[in-house]
Amino acid sequence: MDILDCENLLCPLPVLRARKVLMGLPPGAVLRVRTTDPMARIDLPHFCAEAGHELIGSRDDGRVTEFTIRRK
């Protein structure tokens, strides 16, 4: 599983970086995105739905939210 650290980045940067990393991964690969931007709770699930990726889940770890995404 790859981990993308987007802490202290404001949207749309976490979405744009996740998109770029996911494009380089094989189908079925899993990416974990760590972000501190509250807007990512809206933007990353929306991005996954639009792009066809599976949002496996998200969890809060203090001020960081981790999203787990499976590439389509």
C-alpha atoms as a PDB file:
ATOM      1  CA  MET A   1       0.000   0.000   0.000  1.00  0.00           C
ATOM      2  CA  ASP A   2       1.291   3.416  -0.961  1.00  0.00           C
ATOM      3  CA  ILE A   3       0.950   6.376   1.397  1.00  0.00           C
ATOM      4  CA  LEU A   4       0.530   9.929   0.132  1.00  0.00           C
ATOM      5  CA  ASP A   5       1.263  12.633   2.700  1.00  0.00           C
ATOM      6  CA  CYS A   6      -0.863  15.712   1.961  1.00  0.00           C
ATOM      7  CA  GLU A   7      -0.735  17.134   5.464  1.00  0.00           C
ATOM      8  CA  ASN A   8      -0.792  20.948   5.573  1.00  0.00           C
ATOM      9  CA  LEU A   9      -1.925  21.175   1.932  1.00  0.00           C
ATOM     10  CA  LEU A  10      -5.207  22.873   1.068  1.00  0.00           C
ATOM     11  CA  CYS A  11      -7.688  21.557  -1.465  1.00  0.00           C
ATOM     12  CA  PRO A  12      -7.556  20.999  -4.326  1.00  0.00           C
ATOM     13  CA  LEU A  13      -3.925  19.891  -3.850  1.00  0.00           C
ATOM     14  CA  PRO A  14      -4.708  16.617  -1.974  1.00  0.00           C
ATOM     15  CA  VAL A  15      -7.137  15.606  -4.742  1.00  0.00           C
ATOM     16  CA  LEU A  16      -4.746  16.574  -7.530  1.00  0.00           C
ATOM     17  CA  ARG A  17      -1.844  14.696  -5.936  1.00  0.00           C
ATOM     18  CA  ALA A  18      -3.997  11.637  -5.219  1.00  0.00           C
ATOM     19  CA  ARG A  19      -5.172  11.637  -8.840  1.00  0.00           C
ATOM     20  CA  LYS A  20      -1.593  11.769 -10.111  1.00  0.00           C
ATOM     21  CA  VAL A  21      -0.424   8.922  -7.846  1.00  0.00           C
ATOM     22  CA  LEU A  22      -3.472   6.763  -8.632  1.00  0.00           C
ATOM     23  CA  MET A  23      -2.861   7.166 -12.376  1.00  0.00           C
ATOM     24  CA  GLY A  24       0.568   5.588 -11.882  1.00  0.00           C
ATOM     25  CA  LEU A  25      -0.721   2.611  -9.888  1.00  0.00           C
ATOM     26  CA  PRO A  26      -2.056  -0.632 -11.352  1.00  0.00           C
ATOM     27  CA  PRO A  27      -5.804  -1.353 -11.125  1.00  0.00           C
ATOM     28  CA  GLY A  28      -6.755  -2.686  -7.703  1.00  0.00           C
ATOM     29  CA  ALA A  29      -3.831  -1.005  -5.942  1.00  0.00           C
ATOM     30  CA  VAL A  30      -4.572   0.733  -2.657  1.00  0.00           C
ATOM     31  CA  LEU A  31      -3.496   4.259  -1.756  1.00  0.00           C
ATOM     32  CA  ARG A  32      -3.707   5.851   1.684  1.00  0.00           C
ATOM     33  CA  VAL A  33      -3.975   9.655   1.643  1.00  0.00           C
ATOM     34  CA  ARG A  34      -3.207  11.617   4.829  1.00  0.00           C
ATOM     35  CA  THR A  35      -4.580  15.160   4.949  1.00  0.00           C
ATOM     36  CA  THR A  36      -5.284  17.898   7.464  1.00  0.00           C
ATOM     37  CA  ASP A  37      -7.605  20.006   5.271  1.00  0.00           C
ATOM     38  CA  PRO A  38     -11.226  19.648   6.463  1.00  0.00           C
ATOM     39  CA  MET A  39     -12.464  20.176   2.881  1.00  0.00           C
ATOM     40  CA  ALA A  40     -10.789  16.912   1.889  1.00  0.00           C
ATOM     41  CA  ARG A  41     -13.624  15.094   3.708  1.00  0.00           C
ATOM     42  CA  ILE A  42     -15.884  16.357   0.934  1.00  0.00           C
ATOM     43  CA  ASP A  43     -13.490  16.602  -2.001  1.00  0.00           C
ATOM     44  CA  LEU A  44     -11.760  13.197  -1.857  1.00  0.00           C
ATOM     45  CA  PRO A  45     -14.979  11.111  -1.679  1.00  0.00           C
ATOM     46  CA  HIS A  46     -16.421  13.220  -4.510  1.00  0.00           C
ATOM     47  CA  PHE A  47     -13.279  12.688  -6.585  1.00  0.00           C
ATOM     48  CA  CYS A  48     -13.448   8.910  -6.017  1.00  0.00           C
ATOM     49  CA  ALA A  49     -17.099   8.773  -7.063  1.00  0.00           C
ATOM     50  CA  GLU A  50     -16.445  10.814 -10.196  1.00  0.00           C
ATOM     51  CA  ALA A  51     -13.300   8.884 -11.205  1.00  0.00           C
ATOM     52  CA  GLY A  52     -14.715   5.440 -10.367  1.00  0.00           C
ATOM     53  CA  HIS A  53     -12.218   4.645  -7.608  1.00  0.00           C
ATOM     54  CA  GLU A  54     -13.412   2.828  -4.491  1.00  0.00           C
ATOM     55  CA  LEU A  55     -13.250   4.800  -1.264  1.00  0.00           C
ATOM     56  CA  ILE A  56     -12.600   1.924   1.126  1.00  0.00           C
ATOM     57  CA  GLY A  57     -12.871   4.154   4.153  1.00  0.00           C
ATOM     58  CA  SER A  58     -11.623   7.090   6.153  1.00  0.00           C
ATOM     59  CA  ARG A  59     -10.599   7.602   9.732  1.00  0.00           C
ATOM     60  CA  ASP A  60      -9.579  10.507  11.907  1.00  0.00           C
ATOM     61  CA  ASP A  61      -6.253  10.348  13.706  1.00  0.00           C
ATOM     62  CA  GLY A  62      -6.084  13.547  15.731  1.00  0.00           C
ATOM     63  CA  ARG A  63      -5.949  16.435  13.286  1.00  0.00           C
ATOM     64  CA  VAL A  64      -5.176  14.095  10.359  1.00  0.00           C
ATOM     65  CA  THR A  65      -7.804  12.310   8.284  1.00  0.00           C
ATOM     66  CA  GLU A  66      -6.661   9.192   6.422  1.00  0.00           C
ATOM     67  CA  PHE A  67      -8.497   8.059   3.308  1.00  0.00           C
ATOM     68  CA  THR A  68      -7.998   4.592   1.874  1.00  0.00           C
ATOM     69  CA  ILE A  69      -8.685   4.390  -1.860  1.00  0.00           C
ATOM     70  CA  ARG A  70      -8.611   1.423  -4.257  1.00  0.00           C
ATOM     71  CA  ARG A  71      -7.767   2.310  -7.861  1.00  0.00           C
ATOM     72  CA  LYS A  72     -10.431   1.337 -10.390  1.00  0.00           C
END
